[in-house]
PDB file of N, CA and C in Angstrom:
ATOM      1  N   MET A   1     -73.448  83.252   9.815  1.00  0.00           N
ATOM      2  CA  MET A   1     -73.619  82.772   8.460  1.00  0.00           C
ATOM      3  C   MET A   1     -72.372  82.040   7.988  1.00  0.00           C
ATOM      4  N   ALA A   2     -72.568  80.870   7.495  1.00  0.00           N
ATOM      5  CA  ALA A   2     -71.444  80.093   6.960  1.00  0.00           C
ATOM      6  C   ALA A   2     -71.350  80.330   5.457  1.00  0.00           C
ATOM      7  N   THR A   3     -70.194  80.785   5.022  1.00  0.00           N
ATOM      8  CA  THR A   3     -70.002  80.994   3.587  1.00  0.00           C
ATOM      9  C   THR A   3     -69.285  79.793   3.001  1.00  0.00           C
ATOM     10  N   LYS A   4     -69.729  79.429   1.849  1.00  0.00           N
ATOM     11  CA  LYS A   4     -69.153  78.280   1.170  1.00  0.00           C
ATOM     12  C   LYS A   4     -67.930  78.728   0.369  1.00  0.00           C
ATOM     13  N   ALA A   5     -66.829  78.019   0.542  1.00  0.00           N
ATOM     14  CA  ALA A   5     -65.616  78.357  -0.208  1.00  0.00           C
ATOM     15  C   ALA A   5     -65.809  77.990  -1.674  1.00  0.00           C
ATOM     16  N   LYS A   6     -65.412  78.909  -2.551  1.00  0.00           N
ATOM     17  CA  LYS A   6     -65.535  78.633  -3.982  1.00  0.00           C
ATOM     18  C   LYS A   6     -64.498  77.604  -4.393  1.00  0.00           C
ATOM     19  N   GLU A   7     -64.931  76.649  -5.172  1.00  0.00           N
ATOM     20  CA  GLU A   7     -63.988  75.670  -5.697  1.00  0.00           C
ATOM     21  C   GLU A   7     -63.204  76.305  -6.827  1.00  0.00           C
ATOM     22  N   GLN A   8     -61.882  76.207  -6.739  1.00  0.00           N
ATOM     23  CA  GLN A   8     -61.036  76.803  -7.758  1.00  0.00           C
ATOM     24  C   GLN A   8     -60.788  75.812  -8.871  1.00  0.00           C
ATOM     25  N   LYS A   9     -60.773  76.327 -10.098  1.00  0.00           N
ATOM     26  CA  LYS A   9     -60.429  75.496 -11.238  1.00  0.00           C
ATOM     27  C   LYS A   9     -58.920  75.344 -11.287  1.00  0.00           C
ATOM     28  N   PRO A  10     -58.406  74.221 -11.785  1.00  0.00           N
ATOM     29  CA  PRO A  10     -56.960  74.086 -11.942  1.00  0.00           C
ATOM     30  C   PRO A  10     -56.437  75.156 -12.900  1.00  0.00           C
ATOM     31  N   ALA A  11     -55.283  75.691 -12.584  1.00  0.00           N
ATOM     32  CA  ALA A  11     -54.712  76.789 -13.368  1.00  0.00           C
ATOM     33  C   ALA A  11     -54.267  76.318 -14.743  1.00  0.00           C
ATOM     34  N   LYS A  12     -54.325  77.226 -15.717  1.00  0.00           N
ATOM     35  CA  LYS A  12     -53.805  76.950 -17.055  1.00  0.00           C
ATOM     36  C   LYS A  12     -52.316  77.246 -17.015  1.00  0.00           C
ATOM     37  N   LEU A  13     -51.514  76.279 -17.418  1.00  0.00           N
ATOM     38  CA  LEU A  13     -50.065  76.406 -17.311  1.00  0.00           C
ATOM     39  C   LEU A  13     -49.416  76.619 -18.670  1.00  0.00           C
ATOM     40  N   HIS A  14     -48.194  77.144 -18.662  1.00  0.00           N
ATOM     41  CA  HIS A  14     -47.478  77.428 -19.904  1.00  0.00           C
ATOM     42  C   HIS A  14     -46.693  76.215 -20.407  1.00  0.00           C
ATOM     43  N   VAL A  15     -46.734  75.104 -19.694  1.00  0.00           N
ATOM     44  CA  VAL A  15     -46.021  73.888 -20.105  1.00  0.00           C
ATOM     45  C   VAL A  15     -46.975  72.704 -20.065  1.00  0.00           C
ATOM     46  N   LYS A  16     -46.606  71.634 -20.777  1.00  0.00           N
ATOM     47  CA  LYS A  16     -47.405  70.409 -20.760  1.00  0.00           C
ATOM     48  C   LYS A  16     -46.471  69.207 -20.834  1.00  0.00           C
ATOM     49  N   THR A  17     -47.024  68.034 -20.645  1.00  0.00           N
ATOM     50  CA  THR A  17     -46.249  66.812 -20.675  1.00  0.00           C
ATOM     51  C   THR A  17     -45.555  66.658 -22.026  1.00  0.00           C
ATOM     52  N   GLY A  18     -44.259  66.331 -22.000  1.00  0.00           N
ATOM     53  CA  GLY A  18     -43.502  66.148 -23.227  1.00  0.00           C
ATOM     54  C   GLY A  18     -42.687  67.357 -23.635  1.00  0.00           C
ATOM     55  N   ASP A  19     -42.955  68.524 -23.036  1.00  0.00           N
ATOM     56  CA  ASP A  19     -42.186  69.728 -23.357  1.00  0.00           C
ATOM     57  C   ASP A  19     -40.766  69.618 -22.796  1.00  0.00           C
ATOM     58  N   THR A  20     -39.814  70.203 -23.516  1.00  0.00           N
ATOM     59  CA  THR A  20     -38.453  70.311 -23.012  1.00  0.00           C
ATOM     60  C   THR A  20     -38.345  71.639 -22.273  1.00  0.00           C
ATOM     61  N   VAL A  21     -37.879  71.575 -21.031  1.00  0.00           N
ATOM     62  CA  VAL A  21     -37.800  72.780 -20.207  1.00  0.00           C
ATOM     63  C   VAL A  21     -36.401  72.920 -19.614  1.00  0.00           C
ATOM     64  N   THR A  22     -36.089  74.147 -19.211  1.00  0.00           N
ATOM     65  CA  THR A  22     -34.882  74.415 -18.455  1.00  0.00           C
ATOM     66  C   THR A  22     -35.302  74.984 -17.107  1.00  0.00           C
ATOM     67  N   VAL A  23     -34.555  74.629 -16.059  1.00  0.00           N
ATOM     68  CA  VAL A  23     -34.864  75.102 -14.722  1.00  0.00           C
ATOM     69  C   VAL A  23     -34.185  76.458 -14.534  1.00  0.00           C
ATOM     70  N   ILE A  24     -34.945  77.458 -14.098  1.00  0.00           N
ATOM     71  CA  ILE A  24     -34.399  78.808 -13.974  1.00  0.00           C
ATOM     72  C   ILE A  24     -34.171  79.224 -12.522  1.00  0.00           C
ATOM     73  N   ALA A  25     -34.538  78.388 -11.550  1.00  0.00           N
ATOM     74  CA  ALA A  25     -34.322  78.724 -10.143  1.00  0.00           C
ATOM     75  C   ALA A  25     -34.195  77.437  -9.327  1.00  0.00           C
ATOM     76  N   GLY A  26     -33.482  77.523  -8.211  1.00  0.00           N
ATOM     77  CA  GLY A  26     -33.351  76.394  -7.307  1.00  0.00           C
ATOM     78  C   GLY A  26     -32.044  75.649  -7.486  1.00  0.00           C
ATOM     79  N   ASP A  27     -31.939  74.490  -6.831  1.00  0.00           N
ATOM     80  CA  ASP A  27     -30.717  73.688  -6.848  1.00  0.00           C
ATOM     81  C   ASP A  27     -30.379  73.163  -8.239  1.00  0.00           C
ATOM     82  N   GLU A  28     -31.387  72.939  -9.075  1.00  0.00           N
ATOM     83  CA  GLU A  28     -31.187  72.373 -10.409  1.00  0.00           C
ATOM     84  C   GLU A  28     -31.078  73.444 -11.493  1.00  0.00           C
ATOM     85  N   LYS A  29     -30.811  74.688 -11.101  1.00  0.00           N
ATOM     86  CA  LYS A  29     -30.782  75.824 -12.032  1.00  0.00           C
ATOM     87  C   LYS A  29     -29.817  75.568 -13.189  1.00  0.00           C
ATOM     88  N   GLY A  30     -30.320  75.829 -14.423  1.00  0.00           N
ATOM     89  CA  GLY A  30     -29.502  75.684 -15.621  1.00  0.00           C
ATOM     90  C   GLY A  30     -29.605  74.323 -16.290  1.00  0.00           C
ATOM     91  N   LYS A  31     -30.199  73.342 -15.634  1.00  0.00           N
ATOM     92  CA  LYS A  31     -30.329  72.002 -16.205  1.00  0.00           C
ATOM     93  C   LYS A  31     -31.593  71.920 -17.052  1.00  0.00           C
ATOM     94  N   THR A  32     -31.572  71.025 -18.044  1.00  0.00           N
ATOM     95  CA  THR A  32     -32.729  70.844 -18.913  1.00  0.00           C
ATOM     96  C   THR A  32     -33.227  69.417 -18.830  1.00  0.00           C
ATOM     97  N   GLY A  33     -34.487  69.222 -19.179  1.00  0.00           N
ATOM     98  CA  GLY A  33     -35.087  67.900 -19.180  1.00  0.00           C
ATOM     99  C   GLY A  33     -36.464  67.938 -19.807  1.00  0.00           C
ATOM    100  N   VAL A  34     -37.070  66.756 -19.905  1.00  0.00           N
ATOM    101  CA  VAL A  34     -38.398  66.611 -20.501  1.00  0.00           C
ATOM    102  C   VAL A  34     -39.407  66.385 -19.380  1.00  0.00           C
ATOM    103  N   ILE A  35     -40.556  67.044 -19.472  1.00  0.00           N
ATOM    104  CA  ILE A  35     -41.596  66.919 -18.447  1.00  0.00           C
ATOM    105  C   ILE A  35     -42.267  65.560 -18.549  1.00  0.00           C
ATOM    106  N   LYS A  36     -42.285  64.820 -17.430  1.00  0.00           N
ATOM    107  CA  LYS A  36     -42.959  63.527 -17.360  1.00  0.00           C
ATOM    108  C   LYS A  36     -44.426  63.678 -17.004  1.00  0.00           C
ATOM    109  N   SER A  37     -44.731  64.573 -16.057  1.00  0.00           N
ATOM    110  CA  SER A  37     -46.123  64.770 -15.661  1.00  0.00           C
ATOM    111  C   SER A  37     -46.331  66.183 -15.150  1.00  0.00           C
ATOM    112  N   VAL A  38     -47.597  66.617 -15.185  1.00  0.00           N
ATOM    113  CA  VAL A  38     -47.979  67.958 -14.761  1.00  0.00           C
ATOM    114  C   VAL A  38     -49.145  67.829 -13.788  1.00  0.00           C
ATOM    115  N   ASN A  39     -49.056  68.505 -12.644  1.00  0.00           N
ATOM    116  CA  ASN A  39     -50.163  68.557 -11.689  1.00  0.00           C
ATOM    117  C   ASN A  39     -50.680  69.991 -11.692  1.00  0.00           C
ATOM    118  N   ARG A  40     -51.817  70.209 -12.326  1.00  0.00           N
ATOM    119  CA  ARG A  40     -52.349  71.562 -12.486  1.00  0.00           C
ATOM    120  C   ARG A  40     -52.884  72.132 -11.188  1.00  0.00           C
ATOM    121  N   SER A  41     -53.382  71.302 -10.288  1.00  0.00           N
ATOM    122  CA  SER A  41     -53.950  71.836  -9.051  1.00  0.00           C
ATOM    123  C   SER A  41     -52.870  72.360  -8.101  1.00  0.00           C
ATOM    124  N   THR A  42     -51.708  71.724  -8.058  1.00  0.00           N
ATOM    125  CA  THR A  42     -50.616  72.210  -7.208  1.00  0.00           C
ATOM    126  C   THR A  42     -49.604  73.025  -7.996  1.00  0.00           C
ATOM    127  N   GLN A  43     -49.777  73.126  -9.308  1.00  0.00           N
ATOM    128  CA  GLN A  43     -48.902  73.865 -10.217  1.00  0.00           C
ATOM    129  C   GLN A  43     -47.461  73.362 -10.139  1.00  0.00           C
ATOM    130  N   ARG A  44     -47.299  72.041 -10.177  1.00  0.00           N
ATOM    131  CA  ARG A  44     -45.972  71.439 -10.135  1.00  0.00           C
ATOM    132  C   ARG A  44     -45.784  70.503 -11.322  1.00  0.00           C
ATOM    133  N   VAL A  45     -44.523  70.383 -11.763  1.00  0.00           N
ATOM    134  CA  VAL A  45     -44.183  69.483 -12.859  1.00  0.00           C
ATOM    135  C   VAL A  45     -43.092  68.535 -12.390  1.00  0.00           C
ATOM    136  N   ILE A  46     -43.078  67.331 -12.972  1.00  0.00           N
ATOM    137  CA  ILE A  46     -42.020  66.361 -12.712  1.00  0.00           C
ATOM    138  C   ILE A  46     -41.173  66.297 -13.968  1.00  0.00           C
ATOM    139  N   VAL A  47     -39.868  66.580 -13.833  1.00  0.00           N
ATOM    140  CA  VAL A  47     -38.949  66.609 -14.958  1.00  0.00           C
ATOM    141  C   VAL A  47     -38.031  65.402 -14.852  1.00  0.00           C
ATOM    142  N   GLU A  48     -37.860  64.686 -15.975  1.00  0.00           N
ATOM    143  CA  GLU A  48     -37.038  63.474 -15.996  1.00  0.00           C
ATOM    144  C   GLU A  48     -35.613  63.759 -15.544  1.00  0.00           C
ATOM    145  N   GLY A  49     -35.163  63.030 -14.522  1.00  0.00           N
ATOM    146  CA  GLY A  49     -33.773  63.099 -14.081  1.00  0.00           C
ATOM    147  C   GLY A  49     -33.406  64.309 -13.246  1.00  0.00           C
ATOM    148  N   LEU A  50     -34.354  65.186 -12.955  1.00  0.00           N
ATOM    149  CA  LEU A  50     -34.042  66.383 -12.163  1.00  0.00           C
ATOM    150  C   LEU A  50     -34.782  66.361 -10.835  1.00  0.00           C
ATOM    151  N   ASN A  51     -34.222  67.105  -9.860  1.00  0.00           N
ATOM    152  CA  ASN A  51     -34.797  67.249  -8.522  1.00  0.00           C
ATOM    153  C   ASN A  51     -34.999  65.883  -7.861  1.00  0.00           C
ATOM    154  N   LEU A  52     -33.947  65.076  -7.839  1.00  0.00           N
ATOM    155  CA  LEU A  52     -34.015  63.745  -7.251  1.00  0.00           C
ATOM    156  C   LEU A  52     -33.989  63.837  -5.731  1.00  0.00           C
ATOM    157  N   VAL A  53     -34.891  63.096  -5.086  1.00  0.00           N
ATOM    158  CA  VAL A  53     -34.926  63.008  -3.635  1.00  0.00           C
ATOM    159  C   VAL A  53     -34.788  61.547  -3.231  1.00  0.00           C
ATOM    160  N   THR A  54     -34.298  61.324  -2.012  1.00  0.00           N
ATOM    161  CA  THR A  54     -34.086  59.976  -1.503  1.00  0.00           C
ATOM    162  C   THR A  54     -35.340  59.481  -0.807  1.00  0.00           C
ATOM    163  N   LYS A  55     -35.776  58.263  -1.150  1.00  0.00           N
ATOM    164  CA  LYS A  55     -36.947  57.660  -0.523  1.00  0.00           C
ATOM    165  C   LYS A  55     -36.512  56.359   0.138  1.00  0.00           C
ATOM    166  N   HIS A  56     -36.836  56.213   1.417  1.00  0.00           N
ATOM    167  CA  HIS A  56     -36.515  55.003   2.153  1.00  0.00           C
ATOM    168  C   HIS A  56     -37.709  54.054   2.064  1.00  0.00           C
ATOM    169  N   ASN A  57     -37.460  52.806   1.639  1.00  0.00           N
ATOM    170  CA  ASN A  57     -38.527  51.822   1.455  1.00  0.00           C
ATOM    171  C   ASN A  57     -38.438  50.731   2.503  1.00  0.00           C
ATOM    172  N   LYS A  58     -39.580  50.455   3.143  1.00  0.00           N
ATOM    173  CA  LYS A  58     -39.640  49.358   4.102  1.00  0.00           C
ATOM    174  C   LYS A  58     -39.640  48.036   3.351  1.00  0.00           C
ATOM    175  N   PRO A  59     -39.126  46.993   3.944  1.00  0.00           N
ATOM    176  CA  PRO A  59     -39.231  45.675   3.302  1.00  0.00           C
ATOM    177  C   PRO A  59     -40.697  45.282   3.133  1.00  0.00           C
ATOM    178  N   SER A  60     -41.009  44.687   1.980  1.00  0.00           N
ATOM    179  CA  SER A  60     -42.370  44.246   1.704  1.00  0.00           C
ATOM    180  C   SER A  60     -42.307  42.949   0.908  1.00  0.00           C
ATOM    181  N   ALA A  61     -43.472  42.430   0.534  1.00  0.00           N
ATOM    182  CA  ALA A  61     -43.512  41.194  -0.249  1.00  0.00           C
ATOM    183  C   ALA A  61     -42.863  41.408  -1.615  1.00  0.00           C
ATOM    184  N   LYS A  62     -43.114  42.574  -2.240  1.00  0.00           N
ATOM    185  CA  LYS A  62     -42.520  42.868  -3.544  1.00  0.00           C
ATOM    186  C   LYS A  62     -41.019  43.118  -3.423  1.00  0.00           C
ATOM    187  N   ASN A  63     -40.618  43.805  -2.368  1.00  0.00           N
ATOM    188  CA  ASN A  63     -39.221  44.170  -2.172  1.00  0.00           C
ATOM    189  C   ASN A  63     -38.789  43.724  -0.776  1.00  0.00           C
ATOM    190  N   PRO A  64     -38.421  42.426  -0.618  1.00  0.00           N
ATOM    191  CA  PRO A  64     -38.119  41.916   0.714  1.00  0.00           C
ATOM    192  C   PRO A  64     -36.870  42.545   1.339  1.00  0.00           C
ATOM    193  N   GLN A  65     -36.002  43.099   0.525  1.00  0.00           N
ATOM    194  CA  GLN A  65     -34.765  43.692   1.026  1.00  0.00           C
ATOM    195  C   GLN A  65     -34.999  45.107   1.575  1.00  0.00           C
ATOM    196  N   GLY A  66     -36.020  45.817   1.039  1.00  0.00           N
ATOM    197  CA  GLY A  66     -36.192  47.223   1.402  1.00  0.00           C
ATOM    198  C   GLY A  66     -35.114  48.038   0.708  1.00  0.00           C
ATOM    199  N   GLY A  67     -34.748  49.177   1.247  1.00  0.00           N
ATOM    200  CA  GLY A  67     -33.639  49.933   0.702  1.00  0.00           C
ATOM    201  C   GLY A  67     -33.954  51.394   0.472  1.00  0.00           C
ATOM    202  N   ILE A  68     -33.045  52.039  -0.243  1.00  0.00           N
ATOM    203  CA  ILE A  68     -33.148  53.465  -0.519  1.00  0.00           C
ATOM    204  C   ILE A  68     -33.190  53.662  -2.023  1.00  0.00           C
ATOM    205  N   THR A  69     -34.173  54.434  -2.503  1.00  0.00           N
ATOM    206  CA  THR A  69     -34.280  54.707  -3.930  1.00  0.00           C
ATOM    207  C   THR A  69     -34.315  56.216  -4.151  1.00  0.00           C
ATOM    208  N   LYS A  70     -33.931  56.633  -5.340  1.00  0.00           N
ATOM    209  CA  LYS A  70     -33.991  58.045  -5.730  1.00  0.00           C
ATOM    210  C   LYS A  70     -35.188  58.219  -6.654  1.00  0.00           C
ATOM    211  N   ILE A  71     -36.061  59.190  -6.340  1.00  0.00           N
ATOM    212  CA  ILE A  71     -37.205  59.477  -7.192  1.00  0.00           C
ATOM    213  C   ILE A  71     -37.224  60.973  -7.514  1.00  0.00           C
ATOM    214  N   GLU A  72     -37.916  61.334  -8.600  1.00  0.00           N
ATOM    215  CA  GLU A  72     -38.014  62.734  -8.996  1.00  0.00           C
ATOM    216  C   GLU A  72     -39.126  63.413  -8.210  1.00  0.00           C
ATOM    217  N   ALA A  73     -38.833  64.579  -7.681  1.00  0.00           N
ATOM    218  CA  ALA A  73     -39.833  65.362  -6.959  1.00  0.00           C
ATOM    219  C   ALA A  73     -40.322  66.492  -7.866  1.00  0.00           C
ATOM    220  N   GLY A  74     -41.421  67.100  -7.480  1.00  0.00           N
ATOM    221  CA  GLY A  74     -42.009  68.162  -8.282  1.00  0.00           C
ATOM    222  C   GLY A  74     -41.227  69.462  -8.216  1.00  0.00           C
ATOM    223  N   ILE A  75     -41.324  70.242  -9.285  1.00  0.00           N
ATOM    224  CA  ILE A  75     -40.745  71.575  -9.364  1.00  0.00           C
ATOM    225  C   ILE A  75     -41.891  72.521  -9.710  1.00  0.00           C
ATOM    226  N   HIS A  76     -41.965  73.646  -9.036  1.00  0.00           N
ATOM    227  CA  HIS A  76     -43.038  74.597  -9.311  1.00  0.00           C
ATOM    228  C   HIS A  76     -42.880  75.153 -10.727  1.00  0.00           C
ATOM    229  N   VAL A  77     -44.010  75.366 -11.411  1.00  0.00           N
ATOM    230  CA  VAL A  77     -43.963  75.802 -12.812  1.00  0.00           C
ATOM    231  C   VAL A  77     -43.307  77.160 -12.988  1.00  0.00           C
ATOM    232  N   SER A  78     -43.291  77.990 -11.957  1.00  0.00           N
ATOM    233  CA  SER A  78     -42.646  79.296 -12.070  1.00  0.00           C
ATOM    234  C   SER A  78     -41.132  79.168 -12.144  1.00  0.00           C
ATOM    235  N   ASN A  79     -40.612  77.999 -11.810  1.00  0.00           N
ATOM    236  CA  ASN A  79     -39.167  77.781 -11.828  1.00  0.00           C
ATOM    237  C   ASN A  79     -38.681  77.061 -13.077  1.00  0.00           C
ATOM    238  N   VAL A  80     -39.560  76.851 -14.062  1.00  0.00           N
ATOM    239  CA  VAL A  80     -39.156  76.239 -15.320  1.00  0.00           C
ATOM    240  C   VAL A  80     -39.536  77.129 -16.492  1.00  0.00           C
ATOM    241  N   LYS A  81     -38.752  77.036 -17.575  1.00  0.00           N
ATOM    242  CA  LYS A  81     -39.010  77.810 -18.785  1.00  0.00           C
ATOM    243  C   LYS A  81     -39.016  76.841 -19.951  1.00  0.00           C
ATOM    244  N   ARG A  82     -40.043  76.914 -20.792  1.00  0.00           N
ATOM    245  CA  ARG A  82     -40.173  76.010 -21.924  1.00  0.00           C
ATOM    246  C   ARG A  82     -39.145  76.356 -22.998  1.00  0.00           C
ATOM    247  N   LEU A  83     -38.457  75.327 -23.502  1.00  0.00           N
ATOM    248  CA  LEU A  83     -37.520  75.518 -24.608  1.00  0.00           C
ATOM    249  C   LEU A  83     -38.185  75.189 -25.927  1.00  0.00           C
ATOM    250  N   GLU A  84     -38.839  74.020 -25.973  1.00  0.00           N
ATOM    251  CA  GLU A  84     -39.545  73.624 -27.201  1.00  0.00           C
ATOM    252  C   GLU A  84     -40.731  72.764 -26.824  1.00  0.00           C
ATOM    253  N   SER A  85     -41.694  72.721 -27.699  1.00  0.00           N
ATOM    254  CA  SER A  85     -42.926  71.986 -27.455  1.00  0.00           C
ATOM    255  C   SER A  85     -42.963  70.742 -28.343  1.00  0.00           C
ATOM    256  N   THR A  86     -43.712  69.718 -27.919  1.00  0.00           N
ATOM    257  CA  THR A  86     -43.855  68.517 -28.733  1.00  0.00           C
ATOM    258  C   THR A  86     -44.705  68.811 -29.967  1.00  0.00           C
ATOM    259  N   ASN A  87     -45.763  69.621 -29.803  1.00  0.00           N
ATOM    260  CA  ASN A  87     -46.623  70.003 -30.925  1.00  0.00           C
ATOM    261  C   ASN A  87     -46.468  71.493 -31.170  1.00  0.00           C
ATOM    262  N   ALA A  88     -45.504  71.837 -32.008  1.00  0.00           N
ATOM    263  CA  ALA A  88     -45.241  73.262 -32.227  1.00  0.00           C
ATOM    264  C   ALA A  88     -46.155  73.872 -33.268  1.00  0.00           C
TER     265      ALA A  88
END
């Protein structure tokens, strides 16, 4: 018998886009920033200016030089604490 996997609903999170948060664990511990985006299915948030990772870009028509850029990576919601909300 083949059982069908139940589709999970995205989790309800304690933060939303625009909230000011502080990082409570990891390399960025103690830093604060504003949430740019929230991914409810993976439970990760992107915080402005934090958790920067290096991305190598191949030369293309838009960027003929190629190069290395820094972009923000996701932080798990359990590692952030809300300081204030946009709609309090």
